[in-house]
């Protein structure tokens, strides 16, 4: 979690972004103190956003969401997981579109919503939700609400709509599968797009596998490392097993430092 002096300006700027302005035209939420922080937490808790998704797709079979999250990460993650599942299913089953962009990370939003990465993941979530709204049966109603916003905000939202409806790196239209042959020029573009997505998916698969290996090693280390001295061994003793434990703990710290450096380098 970031320092409040650093994060507060980022949060306030985020709550003025076009996607948040759009969501506010759909839901008229009331918060206890009316602060930007309260409005943001109401968004990331997933209660209002699930209500929007049910409005977009009233025929969906929806799991019961938690109406009172009370800053519980597990309840927030449950709500967000339900929401993202509904969004993904709506694109694929109702719109015949495949979401190719990486889905919002519910663990980041759920556990660390007050972070820069948390804001980025919520941005992706609102973008995908916007794509559902402007392509559903009630799209005219949602578009009319967008028209009530100021010119710059409307223009930015229009760019977001274009991004999530015509950018093949974000969403791929599957209707061509049932529509016969495509013109050569369209087929060339589609082939390049699919090749790009295939490479990205392979990279993500490999990264996820590395993460699984790292987590498995850390879990095994915790399970195997003795937390207290064994029978017949004084707490201040210097037995070989204790030296091995200290060595493993030292290596664990070095491993954690190395992973942190790798993450920073990747971000740079």
C-alpha atoms as a PDB file:
ATOM      1  CA  UNK A   1       0.000   0.000   0.000  1.00  0.00           C
ATOM      2  CA  UNK A   2       1.366   3.398  -0.972  1.00  0.00           C
ATOM      3  CA  UNK A   3       1.983   6.316   1.367  1.00  0.00           C
ATOM      4  CA  UNK A   4      -1.208   8.377   1.692  1.00  0.00           C
ATOM      5  CA  UNK A   5       0.558  11.594   0.651  1.00  0.00           C
ATOM      6  CA  UNK A   6       1.594   9.919  -2.596  1.00  0.00           C
ATOM      7  CA  UNK A   7      -1.576   7.946  -3.269  1.00  0.00           C
ATOM      8  CA  UNK A   8      -4.273  10.520  -2.425  1.00  0.00           C
ATOM      9  CA  UNK A   9      -3.556  12.750  -5.464  1.00  0.00           C
ATOM     10  CA  UNK A  10      -3.513   9.654  -7.711  1.00  0.00           C
ATOM     11  CA  UNK A  11      -6.874   8.549  -6.307  1.00  0.00           C
ATOM     12  CA  UNK A  12      -8.431  11.978  -6.729  1.00  0.00           C
ATOM     13  CA  UNK A  13      -7.232  12.159 -10.341  1.00  0.00           C
ATOM     14  CA  UNK A  14      -8.541   8.644 -11.011  1.00  0.00           C
ATOM     15  CA  UNK A  15     -12.003   9.533  -9.691  1.00  0.00           C
ATOM     16  CA  UNK A  16     -12.149  12.313 -12.301  1.00  0.00           C
ATOM     17  CA  UNK A  17     -11.253  10.053 -15.251  1.00  0.00           C
ATOM     18  CA  UNK A  18     -13.792   9.545 -18.073  1.00  0.00           C
ATOM     19  CA  UNK A  19     -14.500   5.903 -17.166  1.00  0.00           C
ATOM     20  CA  UNK A  20     -15.412   6.812 -13.590  1.00  0.00           C
ATOM     21  CA  UNK A  21     -17.492   9.729 -14.882  1.00  0.00           C
ATOM     22  CA  UNK A  22     -19.348   7.254 -17.094  1.00  0.00           C
ATOM     23  CA  UNK A  23     -20.044   4.859 -14.217  1.00  0.00           C
ATOM     24  CA  UNK A  24     -21.469   7.747 -12.202  1.00  0.00           C
ATOM     25  CA  UNK A  25     -24.052   8.350 -14.957  1.00  0.00           C
ATOM     26  CA  UNK A  26     -25.266   4.772 -14.467  1.00  0.00           C
ATOM     27  CA  UNK A  27     -25.300   4.506 -10.666  1.00  0.00           C
ATOM     28  CA  UNK A  28     -26.191   7.247  -8.235  1.00  0.00           C
ATOM     29  CA  UNK A  29     -24.346   5.907  -5.244  1.00  0.00           C
ATOM     30  CA  UNK A  30     -24.387   7.655  -1.910  1.00  0.00           C
ATOM     31  CA  UNK A  31     -21.490   7.347   0.506  1.00  0.00           C
ATOM     32  CA  UNK A  32     -21.392   8.209   4.168  1.00  0.00           C
ATOM     33  CA  UNK A  33     -18.968  11.108   3.829  1.00  0.00           C
ATOM     34  CA  UNK A  34     -19.075  11.753   0.081  1.00  0.00           C
ATOM     35  CA  UNK A  35     -15.282  11.601  -0.177  1.00  0.00           C
ATOM     36  CA  UNK A  36     -13.365  10.366  -3.214  1.00  0.00           C
ATOM     37  CA  UNK A  37     -11.987   7.524  -1.092  1.00  0.00           C
ATOM     38  CA  UNK A  38     -15.474   6.363  -0.094  1.00  0.00           C
ATOM     39  CA  UNK A  39     -16.656   6.526  -3.712  1.00  0.00           C
ATOM     40  CA  UNK A  40     -13.640   4.509  -4.833  1.00  0.00           C
ATOM     41  CA  UNK A  41     -14.103   1.827  -2.168  1.00  0.00           C
ATOM     42  CA  UNK A  42     -17.769   1.558  -3.171  1.00  0.00           C
ATOM     43  CA  UNK A  43     -16.578   0.823  -6.720  1.00  0.00           C
ATOM     44  CA  UNK A  44     -13.935  -1.750  -5.838  1.00  0.00           C
ATOM     45  CA  UNK A  45     -16.246  -3.581  -3.432  1.00  0.00           C
ATOM     46  CA  UNK A  46     -18.093  -4.701  -6.568  1.00  0.00           C
ATOM     47  CA  UNK A  47     -21.642  -4.258  -5.253  1.00  0.00           C
ATOM     48  CA  UNK A  48     -22.678  -1.402  -7.553  1.00  0.00           C
ATOM     49  CA  UNK A  49     -20.764  -2.766 -10.541  1.00  0.00           C
ATOM     50  CA  UNK A  50     -22.485  -6.142 -10.223  1.00  0.00           C
ATOM     51  CA  UNK A  51     -25.820  -4.290 -10.217  1.00  0.00           C
ATOM     52  CA  UNK A  52     -24.837  -2.553 -13.463  1.00  0.00           C
ATOM     53  CA  UNK A  53     -23.888  -5.876 -15.047  1.00  0.00           C
ATOM     54  CA  UNK A  54     -27.231  -7.379 -14.030  1.00  0.00           C
ATOM     55  CA  UNK A  55     -28.938  -4.366 -15.613  1.00  0.00           C
ATOM     56  CA  UNK A  56     -26.956  -4.950 -18.805  1.00  0.00           C
ATOM     57  CA  UNK A  57     -27.732  -8.667 -18.866  1.00  0.00           C
ATOM     58  CA  UNK A  58     -30.875  -9.321 -16.782  1.00  0.00           C
ATOM     59  CA  UNK A  59     -31.157 -12.888 -18.124  1.00  0.00           C
ATOM     60  CA  UNK A  60     -27.870 -13.932 -16.513  1.00  0.00           C
ATOM     61  CA  UNK A  61     -27.755 -16.504 -13.745  1.00  0.00           C
ATOM     62  CA  UNK A  62     -25.946 -14.565 -11.058  1.00  0.00           C
ATOM     63  CA  UNK A  63     -24.395 -15.783  -7.839  1.00  0.00           C
ATOM     64  CA  UNK A  64     -25.365 -13.941  -4.686  1.00  0.00           C
ATOM     65  CA  UNK A  65     -22.953 -11.093  -4.001  1.00  0.00           C
ATOM     66  CA  UNK A  66     -21.851  -9.824  -0.597  1.00  0.00           C
ATOM     67  CA  UNK A  67     -23.776  -6.616   0.110  1.00  0.00           C
ATOM     68  CA  UNK A  68     -21.589  -5.653   3.068  1.00  0.00           C
ATOM     69  CA  UNK A  69     -17.876  -5.994   2.416  1.00  0.00           C
ATOM     70  CA  UNK A  70     -16.586  -3.930   5.376  1.00  0.00           C
ATOM     71  CA  UNK A  71     -13.068  -3.850   3.911  1.00  0.00           C
ATOM     72  CA  UNK A  72     -12.819  -7.659   3.932  1.00  0.00           C
ATOM     73  CA  UNK A  73     -10.484  -8.613   1.039  1.00  0.00           C
ATOM     74  CA  UNK A  74     -11.984 -12.099   0.657  1.00  0.00           C
ATOM     75  CA  UNK A  75     -15.540 -10.748   0.296  1.00  0.00           C
ATOM     76  CA  UNK A  76     -14.346  -8.107  -2.143  1.00  0.00           C
ATOM     77  CA  UNK A  77     -12.523 -10.749  -4.209  1.00  0.00           C
ATOM     78  CA  UNK A  78     -15.672 -12.903  -4.294  1.00  0.00           C
ATOM     79  CA  UNK A  79     -17.760  -9.988  -5.608  1.00  0.00           C
ATOM     80  CA  UNK A  80     -15.176  -9.041  -8.221  1.00  0.00           C
ATOM     81  CA  UNK A  81     -14.734 -12.656  -9.349  1.00  0.00           C
ATOM     82  CA  UNK A  82     -18.492 -12.925  -9.917  1.00  0.00           C
ATOM     83  CA  UNK A  83     -18.455  -9.650 -11.869  1.00  0.00           C
ATOM     84  CA  UNK A  84     -15.541 -10.582 -14.122  1.00  0.00           C
ATOM     85  CA  UNK A  85     -17.061 -13.998 -14.788  1.00  0.00           C
ATOM     86  CA  UNK A  86     -20.304 -12.304 -15.878  1.00  0.00           C
ATOM     87  CA  UNK A  87     -18.448  -9.815 -18.079  1.00  0.00           C
ATOM     88  CA  UNK A  88     -16.380 -12.511 -19.785  1.00  0.00           C
ATOM     89  CA  UNK A  89     -19.454 -14.690 -20.370  1.00  0.00           C
ATOM     90  CA  UNK A  90     -21.433 -11.748 -21.799  1.00  0.00           C
ATOM     91  CA  UNK A  91     -18.720 -10.911 -24.328  1.00  0.00           C
ATOM     92  CA  UNK A  92     -18.377 -14.508 -25.424  1.00  0.00           C
ATOM     93  CA  UNK A  93     -21.976 -15.756 -25.333  1.00  0.00           C
ATOM     94  CA  UNK A  94     -24.067 -12.656 -26.076  1.00  0.00           C
ATOM     95  CA  UNK A  95     -21.710 -10.502 -28.151  1.00  0.00           C
ATOM     96  CA  UNK A  96     -19.756 -13.348 -29.804  1.00  0.00           C
ATOM     97  CA  UNK A  97     -16.498 -11.662 -28.827  1.00  0.00           C
ATOM     98  CA  UNK A  98     -13.412 -13.018 -27.112  1.00  0.00           C
ATOM     99  CA  UNK A  99     -11.671 -10.841 -24.523  1.00  0.00           C
ATOM    100  CA  UNK A 100      -7.970 -10.992 -25.398  1.00  0.00           C
ATOM    101  CA  UNK A 101      -6.640  -8.343 -23.028  1.00  0.00           C
ATOM    102  CA  UNK A 102      -5.564  -9.648 -19.650  1.00  0.00           C
ATOM    103  CA  UNK A 103      -8.515  -9.685 -17.294  1.00  0.00           C
ATOM    104  CA  UNK A 104      -8.476  -7.393 -14.252  1.00  0.00           C
ATOM    105  CA  UNK A 105      -6.485  -8.926 -11.411  1.00  0.00           C
ATOM    106  CA  UNK A 106      -9.033  -9.503  -8.640  1.00  0.00           C
ATOM    107  CA  UNK A 107      -6.308 -10.310  -6.098  1.00  0.00           C
ATOM    108  CA  UNK A 108      -4.665  -6.919  -6.600  1.00  0.00           C
ATOM    109  CA  UNK A 109      -7.963  -5.014  -6.425  1.00  0.00           C
ATOM    110  CA  UNK A 110      -9.207  -7.108  -3.524  1.00  0.00           C
ATOM    111  CA  UNK A 111      -6.107  -6.967  -1.351  1.00  0.00           C
ATOM    112  CA  UNK A 112      -4.383  -3.752  -2.441  1.00  0.00           C
ATOM    113  CA  UNK A 113      -7.022  -1.418  -3.898  1.00  0.00           C
ATOM    114  CA  UNK A 114      -5.164   1.626  -2.550  1.00  0.00           C
ATOM    115  CA  UNK A 115      -2.180   1.186  -4.835  1.00  0.00           C
ATOM    116  CA  UNK A 116      -1.154   2.400  -8.265  1.00  0.00           C
ATOM    117  CA  UNK A 117      -1.526  -1.121  -9.670  1.00  0.00           C
ATOM    118  CA  UNK A 118      -4.951  -1.353  -8.038  1.00  0.00           C
ATOM    119  CA  UNK A 119      -6.057   1.764  -9.943  1.00  0.00           C
ATOM    120  CA  UNK A 120      -4.773   0.272 -13.205  1.00  0.00           C
ATOM    121  CA  UNK A 121      -6.743  -2.942 -12.661  1.00  0.00           C
ATOM    122  CA  UNK A 122      -9.953  -1.030 -11.829  1.00  0.00           C
ATOM    123  CA  UNK A 123      -9.425   0.976 -15.040  1.00  0.00           C
ATOM    124  CA  UNK A 124      -9.414  -2.275 -17.027  1.00  0.00           C
ATOM    125  CA  UNK A 125     -12.525  -3.461 -15.208  1.00  0.00           C
ATOM    126  CA  UNK A 126     -14.454  -0.277 -16.024  1.00  0.00           C
ATOM    127  CA  UNK A 127     -13.301  -0.416 -19.660  1.00  0.00           C
ATOM    128  CA  UNK A 128     -14.657  -3.940 -20.118  1.00  0.00           C
ATOM    129  CA  UNK A 129     -17.906  -2.984 -18.392  1.00  0.00           C
ATOM    130  CA  UNK A 130     -18.293   0.003 -20.729  1.00  0.00           C
ATOM    131  CA  UNK A 131     -17.872  -2.328 -23.712  1.00  0.00           C
ATOM    132  CA  UNK A 132     -20.768  -4.440 -22.436  1.00  0.00           C
ATOM    133  CA  UNK A 133     -22.990  -1.412 -21.824  1.00  0.00           C
ATOM    134  CA  UNK A 134     -22.649   0.184 -25.265  1.00  0.00           C
ATOM    135  CA  UNK A 135     -23.301  -3.112 -27.068  1.00  0.00           C
ATOM    136  CA  UNK A 136     -26.229  -4.446 -25.028  1.00  0.00           C
ATOM    137  CA  UNK A 137     -29.928  -4.149 -25.842  1.00  0.00           C
ATOM    138  CA  UNK A 138     -30.201  -0.995 -23.723  1.00  0.00           C
ATOM    139  CA  UNK A 139     -27.220   0.672 -25.387  1.00  0.00           C
ATOM    140  CA  UNK A 140     -29.227   3.729 -26.518  1.00  0.00           C
ATOM    141  CA  UNK A 141     -30.055   4.483 -22.893  1.00  0.00           C
ATOM    142  CA  UNK A 142     -26.402   4.256 -21.826  1.00  0.00           C
ATOM    143  CA  UNK A 143     -25.265   6.376 -24.769  1.00  0.00           C
ATOM    144  CA  UNK A 144     -27.854   9.041 -23.935  1.00  0.00           C
ATOM    145  CA  UNK A 145     -26.393   9.267 -20.442  1.00  0.00           C
ATOM    146  CA  UNK A 146     -22.914   9.681 -21.900  1.00  0.00           C
ATOM    147  CA  UNK A 147     -24.227  12.567 -24.002  1.00  0.00           C
ATOM    148  CA  UNK A 148     -24.999  14.500 -20.799  1.00  0.00           C
ATOM    149  CA  UNK A 149     -21.278  14.768 -19.991  1.00  0.00           C
ATOM    150  CA  UNK A 150     -18.967  17.579 -21.082  1.00  0.00           C
ATOM    151  CA  UNK A 151     -17.374  17.518 -24.535  1.00  0.00           C
ATOM    152  CA  UNK A 152     -13.869  16.388 -23.518  1.00  0.00           C
ATOM    153  CA  UNK A 153     -15.226  13.578 -21.350  1.00  0.00           C
ATOM    154  CA  UNK A 154     -17.546  12.406 -24.150  1.00  0.00           C
ATOM    155  CA  UNK A 155     -14.635  12.385 -26.605  1.00  0.00           C
ATOM    156  CA  UNK A 156     -12.478  10.364 -24.209  1.00  0.00           C
ATOM    157  CA  UNK A 157     -15.280   7.857 -23.599  1.00  0.00           C
ATOM    158  CA  UNK A 158     -15.785   7.536 -27.372  1.00  0.00           C
ATOM    159  CA  UNK A 159     -12.077   6.656 -27.667  1.00  0.00           C
ATOM    160  CA  UNK A 160     -12.481   4.047 -24.904  1.00  0.00           C
ATOM    161  CA  UNK A 161     -15.486   2.556 -26.731  1.00  0.00           C
ATOM    162  CA  UNK A 162     -13.442   2.337 -29.929  1.00  0.00           C
ATOM    163  CA  UNK A 163     -10.639   0.706 -27.938  1.00  0.00           C
ATOM    164  CA  UNK A 164     -12.847  -2.057 -26.554  1.00  0.00           C
ATOM    165  CA  UNK A 165     -14.925  -2.676 -29.701  1.00  0.00           C
ATOM    166  CA  UNK A 166     -12.460  -2.288 -32.592  1.00  0.00           C
ATOM    167  CA  UNK A 167      -9.016  -2.965 -31.137  1.00  0.00           C
ATOM    168  CA  UNK A 168      -8.215  -6.619 -31.867  1.00  0.00           C
ATOM    169  CA  UNK A 169      -5.529  -6.568 -29.193  1.00  0.00           C
ATOM    170  CA  UNK A 170      -8.287  -6.059 -26.619  1.00  0.00           C
ATOM    171  CA  UNK A 171     -11.311  -7.935 -27.993  1.00  0.00           C
ATOM    172  CA  UNK A 172     -11.603 -10.257 -31.022  1.00  0.00           C
ATOM    173  CA  UNK A 173     -14.890 -10.638 -32.902  1.00  0.00           C
ATOM    174  CA  UNK A 174     -15.804 -14.318 -33.282  1.00  0.00           C
ATOM    175  CA  UNK A 175     -18.764 -13.807 -35.627  1.00  0.00           C
ATOM    176  CA  UNK A 176     -16.522 -14.389 -38.653  1.00  0.00           C
ATOM    177  CA  UNK A 177     -16.333 -18.052 -37.615  1.00  0.00           C
ATOM    178  CA  UNK A 178     -19.969 -18.470 -38.656  1.00  0.00           C
ATOM    179  CA  UNK A 179     -20.013 -16.012 -41.523  1.00  0.00           C
ATOM    180  CA  UNK A 180     -18.077 -17.901 -44.178  1.00  0.00           C
ATOM    181  CA  UNK A 181     -14.817 -16.759 -45.762  1.00  0.00           C
ATOM    182  CA  UNK A 182     -13.237 -13.417 -45.023  1.00  0.00           C
ATOM    183  CA  UNK A 183     -11.745 -11.086 -47.653  1.00  0.00           C
ATOM    184  CA  UNK A 184      -7.988 -11.593 -48.041  1.00  0.00           C
ATOM    185  CA  UNK A 185      -7.109  -8.193 -46.546  1.00  0.00           C
ATOM    186  CA  UNK A 186      -9.213  -8.915 -43.447  1.00  0.00           C
ATOM    187  CA  UNK A 187      -7.775 -12.425 -43.159  1.00  0.00           C
ATOM    188  CA  UNK A 188      -4.211 -11.074 -43.221  1.00  0.00           C
ATOM    189  CA  UNK A 189      -4.962  -8.656 -40.395  1.00  0.00           C
ATOM    190  CA  UNK A 190      -6.732 -11.327 -38.379  1.00  0.00           C
ATOM    191  CA  UNK A 191      -3.819 -13.742 -38.829  1.00  0.00           C
ATOM    192  CA  UNK A 192      -1.323 -11.156 -37.580  1.00  0.00           C
ATOM    193  CA  UNK A 193      -3.562 -10.344 -34.632  1.00  0.00           C
ATOM    194  CA  UNK A 194      -3.966 -13.994 -33.655  1.00  0.00           C
ATOM    195  CA  UNK A 195      -0.203 -14.550 -33.939  1.00  0.00           C
ATOM    196  CA  UNK A 196       0.358 -11.585 -31.610  1.00  0.00           C
ATOM    197  CA  UNK A 197      -2.151 -12.972 -29.111  1.00  0.00           C
ATOM    198  CA  UNK A 198      -0.620 -16.446 -29.306  1.00  0.00           C
ATOM    199  CA  UNK A 199       2.827 -15.101 -28.426  1.00  0.00           C
ATOM    200  CA  UNK A 200       1.417 -13.074 -25.534  1.00  0.00           C
ATOM    201  CA  UNK A 201      -0.494 -16.070 -24.181  1.00  0.00           C
ATOM    202  CA  UNK A 202       2.617 -18.262 -24.331  1.00  0.00           C
ATOM    203  CA  UNK A 203       4.585 -15.575 -22.454  1.00  0.00           C
ATOM    204  CA  UNK A 204       1.850 -15.314 -19.840  1.00  0.00           C
ATOM    205  CA  UNK A 205       1.727 -19.101 -19.505  1.00  0.00           C
ATOM    206  CA  UNK A 206       5.468 -19.266 -18.880  1.00  0.00           C
ATOM    207  CA  UNK A 207       5.325 -16.412 -16.375  1.00  0.00           C
ATOM    208  CA  UNK A 208       2.468 -18.067 -14.518  1.00  0.00           C
ATOM    209  CA  UNK A 209       4.391 -21.340 -14.409  1.00  0.00           C
ATOM    210  CA  UNK A 210       7.427 -19.565 -12.936  1.00  0.00           C
ATOM    211  CA  UNK A 211       5.146 -18.010 -10.324  1.00  0.00           C
ATOM    212  CA  UNK A 212       3.698 -21.416  -9.431  1.00  0.00           C
ATOM    213  CA  UNK A 213       7.200 -22.853  -9.002  1.00  0.00           C
ATOM    214  CA  UNK A 214       8.261 -19.919  -6.811  1.00  0.00           C
ATOM    215  CA  UNK A 215       5.158 -20.168  -4.631  1.00  0.00           C
ATOM    216  CA  UNK A 216       5.535 -23.932  -4.300  1.00  0.00           C
ATOM    217  CA  UNK A 217       9.164 -23.541  -3.198  1.00  0.00           C
ATOM    218  CA  UNK A 218       8.213 -20.867  -0.666  1.00  0.00           C
ATOM    219  CA  UNK A 219       5.386 -23.040   0.692  1.00  0.00           C
ATOM    220  CA  UNK A 220       7.688 -26.050   1.015  1.00  0.00           C
ATOM    221  CA  UNK A 221      10.323 -23.908   2.702  1.00  0.00           C
ATOM    222  CA  UNK A 222       7.817 -22.688   5.304  1.00  0.00           C
ATOM    223  CA  UNK A 223       6.526 -26.217   5.933  1.00  0.00           C
ATOM    224  CA  UNK A 224       9.986 -27.765   6.270  1.00  0.00           C
ATOM    225  CA  UNK A 225      11.676 -25.036   8.315  1.00  0.00           C
ATOM    226  CA  UNK A 226      11.549 -25.733  12.082  1.00  0.00           C
ATOM    227  CA  UNK A 227      10.025 -22.800  13.932  1.00  0.00           C
ATOM    228  CA  UNK A 228      11.241 -23.843  17.414  1.00  0.00           C
ATOM    229  CA  UNK A 229      14.328 -25.735  18.633  1.00  0.00           C
ATOM    230  CA  UNK A 230      13.932 -29.521  18.679  1.00  0.00           C
ATOM    231  CA  UNK A 231      13.992 -31.770  21.770  1.00  0.00           C
ATOM    232  CA  UNK A 232      17.230 -31.658  23.701  1.00  0.00           C
ATOM    233  CA  UNK A 233      18.377 -28.500  21.961  1.00  0.00           C
ATOM    234  CA  UNK A 234      18.677 -25.236  23.821  1.00  0.00           C
ATOM    235  CA  UNK A 235      17.377 -22.060  22.163  1.00  0.00           C
ATOM    236  CA  UNK A 236      20.876 -20.651  22.153  1.00  0.00           C
ATOM    237  CA  UNK A 237      22.448 -23.822  20.758  1.00  0.00           C
ATOM    238  CA  UNK A 238      24.431 -23.892  17.583  1.00  0.00           C
ATOM    239  CA  UNK A 239      23.505 -27.301  16.220  1.00  0.00           C
ATOM    240  CA  UNK A 240      24.025 -28.206  12.521  1.00  0.00           C
ATOM    241  CA  UNK A 241      20.243 -28.233  11.992  1.00  0.00           C
ATOM    242  CA  UNK A 242      19.914 -24.700  13.336  1.00  0.00           C
ATOM    243  CA  UNK A 243      22.794 -23.519  11.182  1.00  0.00           C
ATOM    244  CA  UNK A 244      21.073 -25.072   8.160  1.00  0.00           C
ATOM    245  CA  UNK A 245      17.806 -23.342   9.114  1.00  0.00           C
ATOM    246  CA  UNK A 246      19.560 -19.984   9.462  1.00  0.00           C
ATOM    247  CA  UNK A 247      21.263 -20.559   6.130  1.00  0.00           C
ATOM    248  CA  UNK A 248      17.955 -21.334   4.459  1.00  0.00           C
ATOM    249  CA  UNK A 249      16.361 -18.273   6.010  1.00  0.00           C
ATOM    250  CA  UNK A 250      19.245 -16.154   4.759  1.00  0.00           C
ATOM    251  CA  UNK A 251      18.840 -17.599   1.270  1.00  0.00           C
ATOM    252  CA  UNK A 252      15.100 -16.989   1.448  1.00  0.00           C
ATOM    253  CA  UNK A 253      15.697 -13.317   2.190  1.00  0.00           C
ATOM    254  CA  UNK A 254      18.172 -13.101  -0.694  1.00  0.00           C
ATOM    255  CA  UNK A 255      15.633 -14.821  -2.974  1.00  0.00           C
ATOM    256  CA  UNK A 256      12.915 -12.347  -1.985  1.00  0.00           C
ATOM    257  CA  UNK A 257      15.308  -9.428  -2.648  1.00  0.00           C
ATOM    258  CA  UNK A 258      16.241 -10.859  -6.037  1.00  0.00           C
ATOM    259  CA  UNK A 259      12.573 -11.295  -6.989  1.00  0.00           C
ATOM    260  CA  UNK A 260      11.837  -7.704  -5.994  1.00  0.00           C
ATOM    261  CA  UNK A 261      14.731  -6.462  -8.157  1.00  0.00           C
ATOM    262  CA  UNK A 262      13.499  -8.533 -11.104  1.00  0.00           C
ATOM    263  CA  UNK A 263       9.983  -7.087 -10.729  1.00  0.00           C
ATOM    264  CA  UNK A 264      11.366  -3.538 -10.669  1.00  0.00           C
ATOM    265  CA  UNK A 265      13.488  -4.198 -13.744  1.00  0.00           C
ATOM    266  CA  UNK A 266      10.523  -5.660 -15.627  1.00  0.00           C
ATOM    267  CA  UNK A 267       8.421  -2.617 -14.762  1.00  0.00           C
ATOM    268  CA  UNK A 268      11.193  -0.291 -15.970  1.00  0.00           C
END
